[in-house]
Protein backbone atom coordinates (compact mmCIF):
# COMPACT_ATOMS: atom_id res chain seq x y z
CA MET A 1 54.60 -90.60 -9.73
CA LYS A 2 52.19 -93.54 -9.67
CA LEU A 3 49.55 -94.04 -12.36
CA LYS A 4 46.20 -95.74 -11.98
CA VAL A 5 43.88 -96.08 -14.98
CA LYS A 6 40.52 -97.81 -15.20
CA CYS A 7 37.43 -98.02 -17.36
CA GLU A 8 34.00 -97.23 -15.99
CA SER A 9 30.48 -97.48 -17.40
CA TRP A 10 27.59 -95.47 -15.98
CA PRO A 11 23.98 -96.29 -16.99
CA ILE A 12 21.81 -93.44 -18.23
CA VAL A 13 18.26 -92.52 -17.33
CA ARG A 14 16.78 -93.36 -20.74
CA PRO A 15 18.24 -94.35 -24.13
CA PHE A 16 19.82 -91.20 -25.52
CA ARG A 17 19.78 -90.85 -29.28
CA ILE A 18 21.61 -88.39 -31.47
CA ALA A 19 21.86 -88.30 -35.26
CA TYR A 20 24.44 -91.09 -35.57
CA ARG A 21 24.09 -93.31 -32.47
CA THR A 22 22.04 -94.27 -29.43
CA MET A 23 23.57 -94.51 -25.95
CA THR A 24 22.36 -96.66 -23.07
CA CYS A 25 25.40 -96.04 -20.88
CA VAL A 26 28.36 -93.68 -20.68
CA ASP A 27 31.80 -95.28 -20.95
CA MET A 28 34.88 -93.45 -19.74
CA VAL A 29 38.49 -93.75 -18.64
CA VAL A 30 39.48 -92.44 -15.21
CA VAL A 31 43.12 -91.58 -14.46
CA GLU A 32 44.66 -91.06 -11.04
CA LEU A 33 48.15 -89.64 -10.63
CA GLU A 34 49.68 -89.94 -7.14
CA HIS A 35 52.81 -88.09 -6.07
CA ARG A 36 54.05 -87.87 -2.48
CA GLY A 37 50.62 -88.46 -1.03
CA PHE A 38 48.73 -86.08 -3.32
CA VAL A 39 46.29 -87.48 -5.90
CA GLY A 40 45.02 -85.82 -9.07
CA ARG A 41 42.13 -87.23 -11.10
CA GLY A 42 40.85 -86.83 -14.62
CA GLU A 43 38.06 -88.35 -16.67
CA GLY A 44 38.11 -88.85 -20.43
CA LEU A 45 35.36 -89.97 -22.79
CA GLU A 46 35.42 -91.36 -26.31
CA VAL A 47 35.39 -89.03 -29.28
CA VAL A 48 33.34 -91.52 -31.27
CA TYR A 49 33.55 -89.77 -34.63
CA LYS A 50 37.34 -89.93 -34.29
CA ASP A 51 37.08 -93.72 -33.80
CA GLU A 52 38.04 -93.62 -30.14
CA THR A 53 37.01 -96.36 -27.72
CA VAL A 54 37.80 -96.74 -24.04
CA ASP A 55 40.02 -99.71 -24.91
CA VAL A 56 42.02 -97.57 -27.35
CA MET A 57 42.31 -94.84 -24.73
CA VAL A 58 43.58 -97.25 -22.07
CA ASP A 59 46.11 -98.68 -24.51
CA GLN A 60 47.33 -95.15 -25.33
CA ILE A 61 47.84 -94.38 -21.65
CA GLU A 62 49.42 -97.72 -20.74
CA ALA A 63 51.91 -97.36 -23.59
CA LEU A 64 53.20 -94.24 -21.81
CA ARG A 65 53.22 -95.66 -18.28
CA ASP A 66 57.01 -95.43 -17.87
CA ILE A 67 57.09 -91.86 -19.17
CA ILE A 68 54.13 -90.85 -17.01
CA GLU A 69 55.54 -92.38 -13.84
CA THR A 70 58.89 -90.71 -14.44
CA GLY A 71 57.06 -87.39 -14.19
CA VAL A 72 55.09 -86.34 -17.24
CA THR A 73 54.28 -82.70 -18.04
CA HIS A 74 51.48 -81.03 -19.99
CA GLY A 75 53.96 -80.34 -22.79
CA ALA A 76 55.03 -83.98 -22.95
CA LEU A 77 51.41 -85.03 -23.40
CA TYR A 78 51.27 -82.93 -26.57
CA GLU A 79 54.36 -84.76 -27.81
CA PHE A 80 53.18 -88.29 -27.11
CA LEU A 81 49.37 -88.22 -27.46
CA PRO A 82 46.94 -86.84 -30.04
CA PRO A 83 43.94 -84.74 -28.98
CA GLY A 84 41.30 -87.02 -27.50
CA GLY A 85 39.89 -88.59 -24.38
CA ALA A 86 43.12 -90.23 -23.20
CA ARG A 87 45.08 -86.98 -23.26
CA ASN A 88 42.16 -85.19 -21.63
CA ALA A 89 42.08 -87.59 -18.68
CA LEU A 90 45.83 -87.24 -18.13
CA ASP A 91 45.94 -83.48 -18.66
CA CYS A 92 43.09 -82.84 -16.23
CA ALA A 93 44.67 -85.20 -13.67
CA LEU A 94 47.86 -83.15 -13.91
CA TRP A 95 45.95 -79.92 -13.31
CA ASP A 96 44.17 -81.45 -10.31
CA LEU A 97 47.44 -82.81 -8.89
CA ALA A 98 49.16 -79.43 -9.26
CA CYS A 99 46.32 -77.73 -7.39
CA LYS A 100 46.45 -80.28 -4.58
CA GLN A 101 50.23 -80.02 -4.26
CA ALA A 102 50.17 -76.21 -4.18
CA ARG A 103 47.13 -76.19 -1.88
CA GLN A 104 45.42 -73.89 -4.36
CA THR A 105 42.09 -74.10 -6.09
CA ILE A 106 42.01 -74.05 -9.88
CA TRP A 107 40.54 -70.54 -9.59
CA GLN A 108 43.52 -69.32 -7.59
CA ARG A 109 45.92 -71.03 -9.98
CA LEU A 110 44.34 -69.41 -13.06
CA GLN A 111 43.51 -66.14 -11.27
CA ILE A 112 39.81 -66.40 -12.07
CA THR A 113 36.93 -65.32 -9.81
CA PRO A 114 34.35 -68.00 -10.69
CA ARG A 115 30.74 -67.24 -11.46
CA GLN A 116 27.99 -69.82 -11.19
CA LEU A 117 27.09 -71.28 -14.56
CA GLN A 118 23.69 -72.10 -16.03
CA THR A 119 23.60 -75.16 -18.27
CA VAL A 120 21.26 -76.19 -21.01
CA TYR A 121 19.31 -79.43 -20.69
CA THR A 122 19.59 -81.76 -23.68
CA ILE A 123 16.57 -83.42 -25.28
CA GLY A 124 17.59 -86.56 -27.18
CA ILE A 125 15.96 -87.68 -30.42
CA ASP A 126 12.72 -89.59 -29.94
CA THR A 127 9.16 -89.38 -31.17
CA PRO A 128 7.89 -85.80 -31.10
CA ALA A 129 5.47 -86.74 -28.31
CA LYS A 130 8.24 -88.18 -26.11
CA MET A 131 10.52 -85.25 -26.82
CA ALA A 132 7.71 -82.91 -25.78
CA GLU A 133 7.19 -84.86 -22.56
CA ASN A 134 10.90 -84.74 -21.76
CA ALA A 135 10.86 -80.99 -22.33
CA ARG A 136 7.69 -80.51 -20.29
CA THR A 137 9.21 -82.14 -17.20
CA SER A 138 12.46 -80.16 -17.45
CA LYS A 139 13.09 -77.07 -15.36
CA GLU A 140 16.01 -75.58 -17.24
CA PRO A 141 15.39 -72.24 -18.98
CA THR A 142 17.44 -73.28 -22.05
CA LEU A 143 16.89 -76.54 -23.91
CA LYS A 144 19.24 -78.10 -26.43
CA ILE A 145 17.34 -80.26 -28.91
CA LYS A 146 19.04 -83.07 -30.79
CA ILE A 147 17.54 -83.43 -34.26
CA SER A 148 17.85 -85.86 -37.17
CA ALA A 149 17.20 -85.53 -40.87
CA ASP A 150 13.79 -87.16 -40.34
CA ASN A 151 11.14 -84.59 -39.39
CA PRO A 152 13.54 -82.16 -37.67
CA CYS A 153 11.10 -79.27 -37.57
CA GLU A 154 8.38 -81.48 -36.10
CA GLN A 155 10.83 -82.50 -33.37
CA VAL A 156 11.57 -78.87 -32.55
CA ARG A 157 7.94 -77.83 -32.91
CA SER A 158 6.87 -80.41 -30.31
CA VAL A 159 9.42 -79.11 -27.80
CA ARG A 160 8.46 -75.51 -28.47
CA ALA A 161 4.79 -76.33 -27.84
CA ALA A 162 5.67 -78.02 -24.55
CA ARG A 163 7.98 -75.23 -23.35
CA GLN A 164 6.97 -71.91 -24.87
CA ASP A 165 8.99 -70.13 -22.18
CA ALA A 166 12.30 -71.84 -23.01
CA ARG A 167 15.24 -70.63 -25.04
CA LEU A 168 16.01 -73.23 -27.70
CA ILE A 169 19.21 -74.28 -29.38
CA VAL A 170 19.48 -77.19 -31.80
CA ASP A 171 22.22 -79.75 -32.42
CA ALA A 172 22.16 -81.63 -35.73
CA ASN A 173 25.42 -83.61 -35.28
CA GLN A 174 26.27 -83.35 -39.01
CA ALA A 175 22.90 -84.78 -40.12
CA PHE A 176 22.08 -82.52 -43.10
CA ASP A 177 23.09 -81.97 -46.68
CA PRO A 178 24.14 -78.36 -47.32
CA ALA A 179 21.41 -78.03 -49.95
CA GLU A 180 18.77 -78.59 -47.24
CA LEU A 181 19.99 -75.81 -45.00
CA PRO A 182 18.26 -72.65 -46.29
CA GLY A 183 14.78 -74.10 -45.81
CA LEU A 184 15.64 -75.80 -42.52
CA LEU A 185 17.21 -72.70 -40.99
CA SER A 186 14.28 -70.56 -42.05
CA GLU A 187 11.81 -72.90 -40.32
CA LEU A 188 13.94 -73.15 -37.18
CA HIS A 189 14.23 -69.38 -37.05
CA ALA A 190 10.44 -69.13 -37.17
CA LEU A 191 10.27 -71.49 -34.17
CA GLY A 192 12.52 -69.19 -32.16
CA VAL A 193 15.68 -71.31 -32.29
CA GLU A 194 18.62 -69.05 -31.45
CA MET A 195 21.58 -71.23 -32.46
CA VAL A 196 22.24 -74.38 -34.52
CA GLU A 197 25.20 -76.68 -33.90
CA GLN A 198 27.06 -78.47 -36.69
CA PRO A 199 24.29 -78.92 -39.26
CA VAL A 200 26.57 -80.56 -41.88
CA LYS A 201 29.55 -82.89 -41.89
CA ALA A 202 32.92 -81.47 -40.96
CA GLY A 203 34.55 -80.44 -44.22
CA ALA A 204 31.23 -79.81 -45.96
CA ASP A 205 30.88 -76.51 -44.09
CA THR A 206 32.66 -74.68 -46.90
CA ALA A 207 29.07 -74.39 -48.17
CA PHE A 208 28.58 -71.74 -45.47
CA ASP A 209 30.75 -69.36 -47.48
CA ALA A 210 27.69 -68.56 -49.60
CA LEU A 211 25.06 -69.05 -46.87
CA ASN A 212 23.22 -66.15 -45.29
CA SER A 213 21.93 -67.92 -42.19
CA PRO A 214 19.20 -66.24 -40.13
CA ILE A 215 20.52 -68.15 -37.08
CA PRO A 216 24.07 -68.22 -35.69
CA LEU A 217 25.86 -71.50 -36.44
CA ALA A 218 28.14 -73.30 -33.98
CA ALA A 219 31.05 -75.54 -34.92
CA ASP A 220 31.30 -78.77 -32.95
CA GLU A 221 32.75 -81.66 -34.97
CA SER A 222 34.53 -79.03 -37.09
CA CYS A 223 36.16 -77.46 -34.01
CA LEU A 224 38.65 -79.74 -32.30
CA THR A 225 41.71 -77.69 -31.33
CA SER A 226 43.18 -74.21 -31.70
CA GLN A 227 44.52 -75.26 -35.10
CA ASP A 228 40.97 -75.19 -36.50
CA VAL A 229 40.13 -71.57 -35.71
CA ASP A 230 41.19 -70.06 -39.04
CA TYR A 231 38.93 -72.54 -40.86
CA LEU A 232 35.94 -71.54 -38.73
CA VAL A 233 36.16 -67.78 -39.22
CA GLY A 234 33.58 -66.54 -41.73
CA ARG A 235 31.71 -69.84 -41.63
CA TYR A 236 30.63 -70.12 -38.00
CA GLN A 237 29.73 -67.60 -35.37
CA VAL A 238 30.16 -69.88 -32.33
CA ALA A 239 32.78 -72.48 -31.38
CA ASN A 240 31.90 -75.41 -29.12
CA ILE A 241 34.86 -76.32 -26.91
CA LYS A 242 34.90 -79.85 -25.49
CA LEU A 243 37.84 -81.07 -23.47
CA ASP A 244 37.74 -84.56 -24.94
CA LYS A 245 38.14 -83.01 -28.40
CA THR A 246 40.93 -80.66 -27.37
CA GLY A 247 42.72 -83.32 -25.36
CA GLY A 248 42.50 -81.52 -22.05
CA LEU A 249 42.15 -78.21 -20.26
CA THR A 250 45.54 -77.00 -21.45
CA GLU A 251 44.53 -77.01 -25.12
CA ALA A 252 40.97 -75.92 -24.28
CA LEU A 253 42.41 -72.72 -22.79
CA LYS A 254 44.43 -72.16 -25.96
CA LEU A 255 41.34 -72.74 -28.11
CA ARG A 256 39.32 -70.34 -25.93
CA ASP A 257 41.90 -67.60 -26.40
CA ALA A 258 42.25 -68.20 -30.15
CA CYS A 259 38.47 -68.09 -30.66
CA THR A 260 38.14 -64.91 -28.63
CA ALA A 261 40.90 -63.25 -30.64
CA ALA A 262 39.14 -64.28 -33.86
CA GLY A 263 35.80 -62.81 -32.74
CA LEU A 264 33.97 -66.12 -32.28
CA GLU A 265 31.37 -66.58 -29.56
CA LEU A 266 32.05 -69.52 -27.23
CA MET A 267 30.18 -72.57 -26.04
CA VAL A 268 31.46 -75.25 -23.70
CA GLY A 269 30.14 -78.74 -24.25
CA CYS A 270 30.64 -82.30 -23.10
CA MET A 271 30.51 -85.88 -24.35
CA ALA A 272 28.32 -86.67 -21.31
CA GLY A 273 30.22 -87.95 -18.26
CA THR A 274 30.21 -87.46 -14.51
CA SER A 275 30.89 -84.35 -12.48
CA LEU A 276 34.61 -85.20 -12.66
CA ALA A 277 34.49 -84.41 -16.40
CA MET A 278 32.24 -81.36 -15.95
CA ALA A 279 34.52 -79.69 -13.37
CA PRO A 280 37.39 -78.74 -15.72
CA ALA A 281 34.83 -77.81 -18.38
CA TYR A 282 33.43 -75.37 -15.79
CA VAL A 283 36.68 -73.41 -16.12
CA ILE A 284 36.09 -72.88 -19.85
CA GLY A 285 32.43 -72.13 -19.16
CA GLN A 286 33.48 -68.93 -17.39
CA SER A 287 34.16 -67.43 -20.84
CA CYS A 288 31.16 -68.88 -22.68
CA ARG A 289 27.82 -67.57 -23.86
CA TYR A 290 26.41 -71.10 -24.06
CA VAL A 291 27.06 -73.81 -21.46
CA ASP A 292 26.29 -77.49 -22.00
CA ILE A 293 27.57 -79.44 -19.00
CA ASP A 294 24.42 -81.43 -18.20
CA GLY A 295 26.09 -84.85 -18.55
CA PRO A 296 25.33 -85.96 -14.98
CA LEU A 297 21.62 -85.19 -15.48
CA LEU A 298 21.48 -87.83 -18.22
CA GLN A 299 22.99 -90.53 -16.00
CA ILE A 300 21.83 -92.66 -13.09
CA GLY A 301 24.14 -91.56 -10.29
CA ASP A 302 27.24 -89.40 -10.01
CA ARG A 303 30.49 -89.15 -8.05
CA GLU A 304 31.08 -88.13 -4.45
CA ASN A 305 31.32 -84.37 -3.98
CA ALA A 306 29.37 -84.01 -7.23
CA LEU A 307 28.16 -80.81 -8.80
CA THR A 308 24.61 -79.87 -7.87
CA TYR A 309 22.02 -78.91 -10.48
CA ASP A 310 19.00 -76.73 -9.76
CA ALA A 311 16.81 -75.56 -12.64
CA GLY A 312 19.88 -75.16 -14.85
CA HIS A 313 22.10 -73.56 -12.20
CA VAL A 314 25.26 -75.61 -11.61
CA SER A 315 27.29 -75.28 -8.43
CA ILE A 316 30.94 -74.24 -8.59
CA PRO A 317 33.08 -77.41 -8.33
CA ARG A 318 34.46 -78.23 -4.90
CA PRO A 319 38.20 -78.94 -4.62
CA GLU A 320 37.33 -82.34 -3.16
CA LEU A 321 35.91 -83.24 -6.59
CA TRP A 322 38.56 -81.65 -8.82
CA GLY A 323 40.75 -78.57 -8.90
């Protein structure tokens, strides 16, 4: 097996701000695994709050070059790499390679009849007026609003005024103190918000044990792998599965099954990225109530054989792209 690994950086349409950082481009690692003329690809992005960078990810992969080129397996990746973007890129490349070698689609391999997914569109933090304008020009029926601790309800109120027809979910990215939550959730409920992602820091969500939230809460930074499910039960109602957090599709499938068994609703998310990163997430999206795979909409450009987006509807990935 031959390994190719490279870093890429894709500019985005406008500066994209969340509670703890602002992005002007999307950095990623792309892996190609070639075996007997067949090539599998995978894309991994940084899990920033786990201190990942693309340089760290490349170093992790290069350190395993000999093992990989000898013929690495999904199980070996668990042994040699932690959950994160590097393992995700390799794991998804292995899935793609296996499909190509067997001349199967990912749907045939997993025995799934795919349905077309409908993604949210994400509104980054900005002035309320600019957030309203971004919402007004969107066509997606569901909007995901990033909020900060500064004027969060005004941010949501501006989007609601611009798109009274839209379903709204909110992502706080750990921005709030638990003591602030009762009042915040009450106001968001009044604005018609139907779900709130990760309102407090991971670890501080034990405060939810005594919280009677009027809105379902979704775990993001608190939900990395299947090992976290027991901690989530009774505190969250929804789990956000991201392949960069799980370290690939293999663990994402395990997390999906564990959440379902525990009675948690599912969401599939992304760290942004191109259609190459969205394609394996599409597999998890088949089981999800909420789908957030709008990464390519935030960027200038995309890959060949890219997914197509039409008013929230996302095309089923073509095998030429992945899987």
